[in-house]
Amino acid sequence: MVSPRLLAATDQRSLPLEWRIVDWAGRCVRLDPHTTKNGEARSFPFTADIEKVLKEQLAIHETLKKAER
C-alpha cells in the first residue's frame, strides 16, 4: 500500500492505495475515480524526493511480501 500522507492527502481519510497507481515511467500517481472526494480520476506528478520515498517504501513492501512466502 502507498501511504496517503506521502501523497499529500488533503484530509485524514485512510485510503487503500495500491502500487499499481504509481506510474514510474510517467513519474506520476494516478488515482482511480472511486478514490477521490469528487469521484473523478486524478493524476499528479511526483518530485524526486517523493520518488525516493516511494522506492524506499516499495523495497520494504517487497521484503515483507517475500517474508510471507
C-alpha atoms as a PDB file:
ATOM      1  CA  MET A   1       0.000   0.000   0.000  1.00  0.00           C
ATOM      2  CA  VAL A   2       1.118   3.528  -0.724  1.00  0.00           C
ATOM      3  CA  SER A   3       0.911   5.968   2.162  1.00  0.00           C
ATOM      4  CA  PRO A   4      -1.826   8.572   1.609  1.00  0.00           C
ATOM      5  CA  ARG A   5       0.158  11.060   3.714  1.00  0.00           C
ATOM      6  CA  LEU A   6       3.089  10.659   1.359  1.00  0.00           C
ATOM      7  CA  LEU A   7       0.823  11.673  -1.474  1.00  0.00           C
ATOM      8  CA  ALA A   8      -0.247  14.805   0.413  1.00  0.00           C
ATOM      9  CA  ALA A   9      -3.839  13.799   1.051  1.00  0.00           C
ATOM     10  CA  THR A  10      -5.844  16.866   1.986  1.00  0.00           C
ATOM     11  CA  ASP A  11      -7.945  15.162   4.612  1.00  0.00           C
ATOM     12  CA  GLN A  12      -7.392  12.499   7.230  1.00  0.00           C
ATOM     13  CA  ARG A  13      -9.090   9.619   5.420  1.00  0.00           C
ATOM     14  CA  SER A  14      -7.044   6.473   5.104  1.00  0.00           C
ATOM     15  CA  LEU A  15      -7.188   5.335   1.505  1.00  0.00           C
ATOM     16  CA  PRO A  16      -6.260   1.813   0.418  1.00  0.00           C
ATOM     17  CA  LEU A  17      -3.851   2.931  -2.283  1.00  0.00           C
ATOM     18  CA  GLU A  18      -2.022   0.319  -4.331  1.00  0.00           C
ATOM     19  CA  TRP A  19       1.313   0.251  -6.110  1.00  0.00           C
ATOM     20  CA  ARG A  20      -0.433  -0.124  -9.473  1.00  0.00           C
ATOM     21  CA  ILE A  21      -1.377   3.579  -9.307  1.00  0.00           C
ATOM     22  CA  VAL A  22       2.278   4.631  -9.403  1.00  0.00           C
ATOM     23  CA  ASP A  23       3.360   5.321 -12.974  1.00  0.00           C
ATOM     24  CA  TRP A  24       7.139   5.104 -12.641  1.00  0.00           C
ATOM     25  CA  ALA A  25       7.824   5.857 -16.322  1.00  0.00           C
ATOM     26  CA  GLY A  26       5.478   8.843 -16.346  1.00  0.00           C
ATOM     27  CA  ARG A  27       6.614   9.932 -12.871  1.00  0.00           C
ATOM     28  CA  CYS A  28       3.068  10.430 -11.629  1.00  0.00           C
ATOM     29  CA  VAL A  29       0.415   8.894  -9.423  1.00  0.00           C
ATOM     30  CA  ARG A  30      -2.988   8.142 -10.941  1.00  0.00           C
ATOM     31  CA  LEU A  31      -5.902   7.977  -8.522  1.00  0.00           C
ATOM     32  CA  ASP A  32      -8.908   5.932  -9.598  1.00  0.00           C
ATOM     33  CA  PRO A  33     -12.272   7.735  -9.829  1.00  0.00           C
ATOM     34  CA  HIS A  34     -13.808   5.953  -6.837  1.00  0.00           C
ATOM     35  CA  THR A  35     -10.932   7.015  -4.548  1.00  0.00           C
ATOM     36  CA  THR A  36     -11.351  10.792  -4.803  1.00  0.00           C
ATOM     37  CA  LYS A  37     -13.812  13.022  -2.983  1.00  0.00           C
ATOM     38  CA  ASN A  38     -15.485  14.206  -6.179  1.00  0.00           C
ATOM     39  CA  GLY A  39     -15.485  10.761  -7.786  1.00  0.00           C
ATOM     40  CA  GLU A  40     -13.265  11.832 -10.673  1.00  0.00           C
ATOM     41  CA  ALA A  41      -9.921  10.291 -11.620  1.00  0.00           C
ATOM     42  CA  ARG A  42      -6.923  12.381 -10.708  1.00  0.00           C
ATOM     43  CA  SER A  43      -3.298  12.360 -11.763  1.00  0.00           C
ATOM     44  CA  PHE A  44      -0.378  14.300 -10.366  1.00  0.00           C
ATOM     45  CA  PRO A  45       3.396  14.231 -10.858  1.00  0.00           C
ATOM     46  CA  PHE A  46       5.811  13.327  -8.112  1.00  0.00           C
ATOM     47  CA  THR A  47       9.087  15.018  -7.279  1.00  0.00           C
ATOM     48  CA  ALA A  48      12.496  13.365  -6.986  1.00  0.00           C
ATOM     49  CA  ASP A  49      12.101  13.439  -3.189  1.00  0.00           C
ATOM     50  CA  ILE A  50       8.755  11.650  -3.345  1.00  0.00           C
ATOM     51  CA  GLU A  51      10.176   9.167  -5.854  1.00  0.00           C
ATOM     52  CA  LYS A  52      12.962   8.348  -3.386  1.00  0.00           C
ATOM     53  CA  VAL A  53      10.471   7.716  -0.583  1.00  0.00           C
ATOM     54  CA  LEU A  54       8.205   5.675  -2.868  1.00  0.00           C
ATOM     55  CA  LYS A  55      11.149   3.468  -3.864  1.00  0.00           C
ATOM     56  CA  GLU A  56      12.114   3.001  -0.216  1.00  0.00           C
ATOM     57  CA  GLN A  57       8.534   2.046   0.645  1.00  0.00           C
ATOM     58  CA  LEU A  58       8.349  -0.319  -2.328  1.00  0.00           C
ATOM     59  CA  ALA A  59      11.541  -2.062  -1.166  1.00  0.00           C
ATOM     60  CA  ILE A  60      10.007  -2.534   2.297  1.00  0.00           C
ATOM     61  CA  HIS A  61       6.789  -3.822   0.717  1.00  0.00           C
ATOM     62  CA  GLU A  62       8.678  -6.337  -1.409  1.00  0.00           C
ATOM     63  CA  THR A  63      10.726  -7.532   1.583  1.00  0.00           C
ATOM     64  CA  LEU A  64       7.572  -8.098   3.640  1.00  0.00           C
ATOM     65  CA  LYS A  65       5.899  -9.861   0.736  1.00  0.00           C
ATOM     66  CA  LYS A  66       8.851 -12.251   0.400  1.00  0.00           C
ATOM     67  CA  ALA A  67       8.741 -12.968   4.132  1.00  0.00           C
ATOM     68  CA  GLU A  68       5.114 -14.123   3.803  1.00  0.00           C
ATOM     69  CA  ARG A  69       6.113 -16.963   1.458  1.00  0.00           C
END
